C-alpha atoms as a PDB file:
ATOM      1  CA  MET A   1     -74.122  15.081  31.213  1.00  0.00           C
ATOM      2  CA  ALA A   2     -72.362  12.046  29.776  1.00  0.00           C
ATOM      3  CA  ARG A   3     -70.298   9.735  31.943  1.00  0.00           C
ATOM      4  CA  ASN A   4     -67.748   7.291  30.579  1.00  0.00           C
ATOM      5  CA  GLU A   5     -66.009   4.941  32.956  1.00  0.00           C
ATOM      6  CA  PHE A   6     -62.993   2.787  32.133  1.00  0.00           C
ATOM      7  CA  ARG A   7     -61.570   0.170  34.472  1.00  0.00           C
ATOM      8  CA  PHE A   8     -58.365  -1.790  34.689  1.00  0.00           C
ATOM      9  CA  VAL A   9     -58.665  -4.932  36.798  1.00  0.00           C
ATOM     10  CA  VAL A  10     -55.876  -7.246  37.914  1.00  0.00           C
ATOM     11  CA  ASP A  11     -57.145 -10.518  39.344  1.00  0.00           C
ATOM     12  CA  GLY A  12     -55.119 -13.348  40.881  1.00  0.00           C
ATOM     13  CA  VAL A  13     -51.967 -11.307  41.494  1.00  0.00           C
ATOM     14  CA  ASP A  14     -50.883 -10.227  44.970  1.00  0.00           C
ATOM     15  CA  LEU A  15     -49.595  -6.653  44.822  1.00  0.00           C
ATOM     16  CA  THR A  16     -47.995  -4.709  47.643  1.00  0.00           C
ATOM     17  CA  PRO A  17     -49.459  -1.306  48.541  1.00  0.00           C
ATOM     18  CA  ASP A  18     -46.411   0.327  46.912  1.00  0.00           C
ATOM     19  CA  GLN A  19     -47.026  -1.627  43.704  1.00  0.00           C
ATOM     20  CA  GLN A  20     -50.713  -0.662  43.748  1.00  0.00           C
ATOM     21  CA  THR A  21     -49.813   3.013  44.139  1.00  0.00           C
ATOM     22  CA  LEU A  22     -47.264   2.827  41.312  1.00  0.00           C
ATOM     23  CA  ILE A  23     -49.728   1.099  38.977  1.00  0.00           C
ATOM     24  CA  ALA A  24     -52.480   3.590  39.851  1.00  0.00           C
ATOM     25  CA  GLY A  25     -50.183   6.483  38.937  1.00  0.00           C
ATOM     26  CA  GLU A  26     -49.280   4.883  35.607  1.00  0.00           C
ATOM     27  CA  ILE A  27     -52.952   4.243  34.800  1.00  0.00           C
ATOM     28  CA  GLN A  28     -53.770   7.883  35.609  1.00  0.00           C
ATOM     29  CA  LYS A  29     -51.066   9.059  33.195  1.00  0.00           C
ATOM     30  CA  ALA A  30     -52.296   6.648  30.519  1.00  0.00           C
ATOM     31  CA  GLY A  31     -55.885   7.843  30.927  1.00  0.00           C
ATOM     32  CA  LEU A  32     -54.919  11.495  30.490  1.00  0.00           C
ATOM     33  CA  ALA A  33     -52.768  10.612  27.475  1.00  0.00           C
ATOM     34  CA  ALA A  34     -55.749   8.735  25.983  1.00  0.00           C
ATOM     35  CA  LEU A  35     -57.924  11.856  26.317  1.00  0.00           C
ATOM     36  CA  ARG A  36     -55.282  13.831  24.413  1.00  0.00           C
ATOM     37  CA  THR A  37     -54.976  11.118  21.751  1.00  0.00           C
ATOM     38  CA  ALA A  38     -58.767  10.997  21.334  1.00  0.00           C
ATOM     39  CA  ASP A  39     -58.784  14.802  20.990  1.00  0.00           C
ATOM     40  CA  ALA A  40     -61.472  15.071  23.670  1.00  0.00           C
ATOM     41  CA  LYS A  41     -62.898  18.583  23.723  1.00  0.00           C
ATOM     42  CA  LEU A  42     -62.765  19.645  27.364  1.00  0.00           C
ATOM     43  CA  ALA A  43     -63.819  23.220  28.082  1.00  0.00           C
ATOM     44  CA  ASN A  44     -62.623  23.622  31.674  1.00  0.00           C
ATOM     45  CA  PRO A  45     -61.424  20.273  33.048  1.00  0.00           C
ATOM     46  CA  LEU A  46     -60.856  19.529  36.707  1.00  0.00           C
ATOM     47  CA  THR A  47     -58.793  16.442  37.494  1.00  0.00           C
ATOM     48  CA  LEU A  48     -59.194  14.795  40.898  1.00  0.00           C
ATOM     49  CA  GLY A  49     -57.664  11.629  42.217  1.00  0.00           C
ATOM     50  CA  HIS A  50     -54.918   9.968  44.154  1.00  0.00           C
ATOM     51  CA  GLY A  51     -53.138   6.679  44.643  1.00  0.00           C
ATOM     52  CA  ASN A  52     -53.270   6.564  48.448  1.00  0.00           C
ATOM     53  CA  ILE A  53     -55.620   3.748  49.465  1.00  0.00           C
ATOM     54  CA  LYS A  54     -55.386   4.724  53.151  1.00  0.00           C
ATOM     55  CA  LEU A  55     -56.688   8.246  52.499  1.00  0.00           C
ATOM     56  CA  ARG A  56     -60.095   7.460  50.952  1.00  0.00           C
ATOM     57  CA  PRO A  57     -60.347   4.032  49.278  1.00  0.00           C
ATOM     58  CA  GLU A  58     -63.477   5.018  47.367  1.00  0.00           C
ATOM     59  CA  TRP A  59     -61.520   7.853  45.712  1.00  0.00           C
ATOM     60  CA  TYR A  60     -58.681   5.602  44.538  1.00  0.00           C
ATOM     61  CA  GLY A  61     -58.112   6.518  40.900  1.00  0.00           C
ATOM     62  CA  LEU A  62     -58.650   9.558  38.746  1.00  0.00           C
ATOM     63  CA  TRP A  63     -61.720  11.594  37.797  1.00  0.00           C
ATOM     64  CA  VAL A  64     -61.698  14.143  34.996  1.00  0.00           C
ATOM     65  CA  LEU A  65     -64.670  16.464  35.313  1.00  0.00           C
ATOM     66  CA  ASP A  66     -65.660  19.107  32.798  1.00  0.00           C
ATOM     67  CA  GLY A  67     -68.374  21.687  32.348  1.00  0.00           C
ATOM     68  CA  GLN A  68     -70.518  23.212  35.052  1.00  0.00           C
ATOM     69  CA  LEU A  69     -69.856  20.444  37.594  1.00  0.00           C
ATOM     70  CA  ALA A  70     -66.099  21.001  37.267  1.00  0.00           C
ATOM     71  CA  GLN A  71     -66.548  24.748  37.614  1.00  0.00           C
ATOM     72  CA  ASP A  72     -68.757  24.423  40.723  1.00  0.00           C
ATOM     73  CA  LEU A  73     -66.503  21.875  42.405  1.00  0.00           C
ATOM     74  CA  GLY A  74     -63.371  23.840  41.538  1.00  0.00           C
ATOM     75  CA  GLN A  75     -64.872  26.937  43.150  1.00  0.00           C
ATOM     76  CA  LYS A  76     -65.722  24.968  46.308  1.00  0.00           C
ATOM     77  CA  ILE A  77     -62.145  23.668  46.471  1.00  0.00           C
ATOM     78  CA  ASN A  78     -60.844  27.216  46.087  1.00  0.00           C
ATOM     79  CA  ASP A  79     -63.238  28.442  48.787  1.00  0.00           C
ATOM     80  CA  ILE A  80     -61.883  25.981  51.369  1.00  0.00           C
ATOM     81  CA  GLY A  81     -58.284  26.917  50.627  1.00  0.00           C
ATOM     82  CA  PHE A  82     -56.773  24.158  48.482  1.00  0.00           C
ATOM     83  CA  TRP A  83     -55.937  26.614  45.716  1.00  0.00           C
ATOM     84  CA  ILE A  84     -52.407  27.961  45.560  1.00  0.00           C
ATOM     85  CA  GLN A  85     -51.700  30.924  43.294  1.00  0.00           C
ATOM     86  CA  ARG A  86     -48.628  30.440  41.118  1.00  0.00           C
END
């Protein structure tokens, strides 16, 4: 399975937690737009992430998973009750 990681680093600028959250959200949107622009062929994507540093700092950002890993993880999320039928 291929993994591509892209980072955006701001150094030397003091940002408030609110600014960090806002920037994280904008970067997430830009990343998803870039996948569309690149015409990435995703079979069954699962997008995970958040901008809340207090929740789990190591999860700060956005992960787009596809393939069997996405399917397995999505099923586990459904099994523990995070899935809401629309």
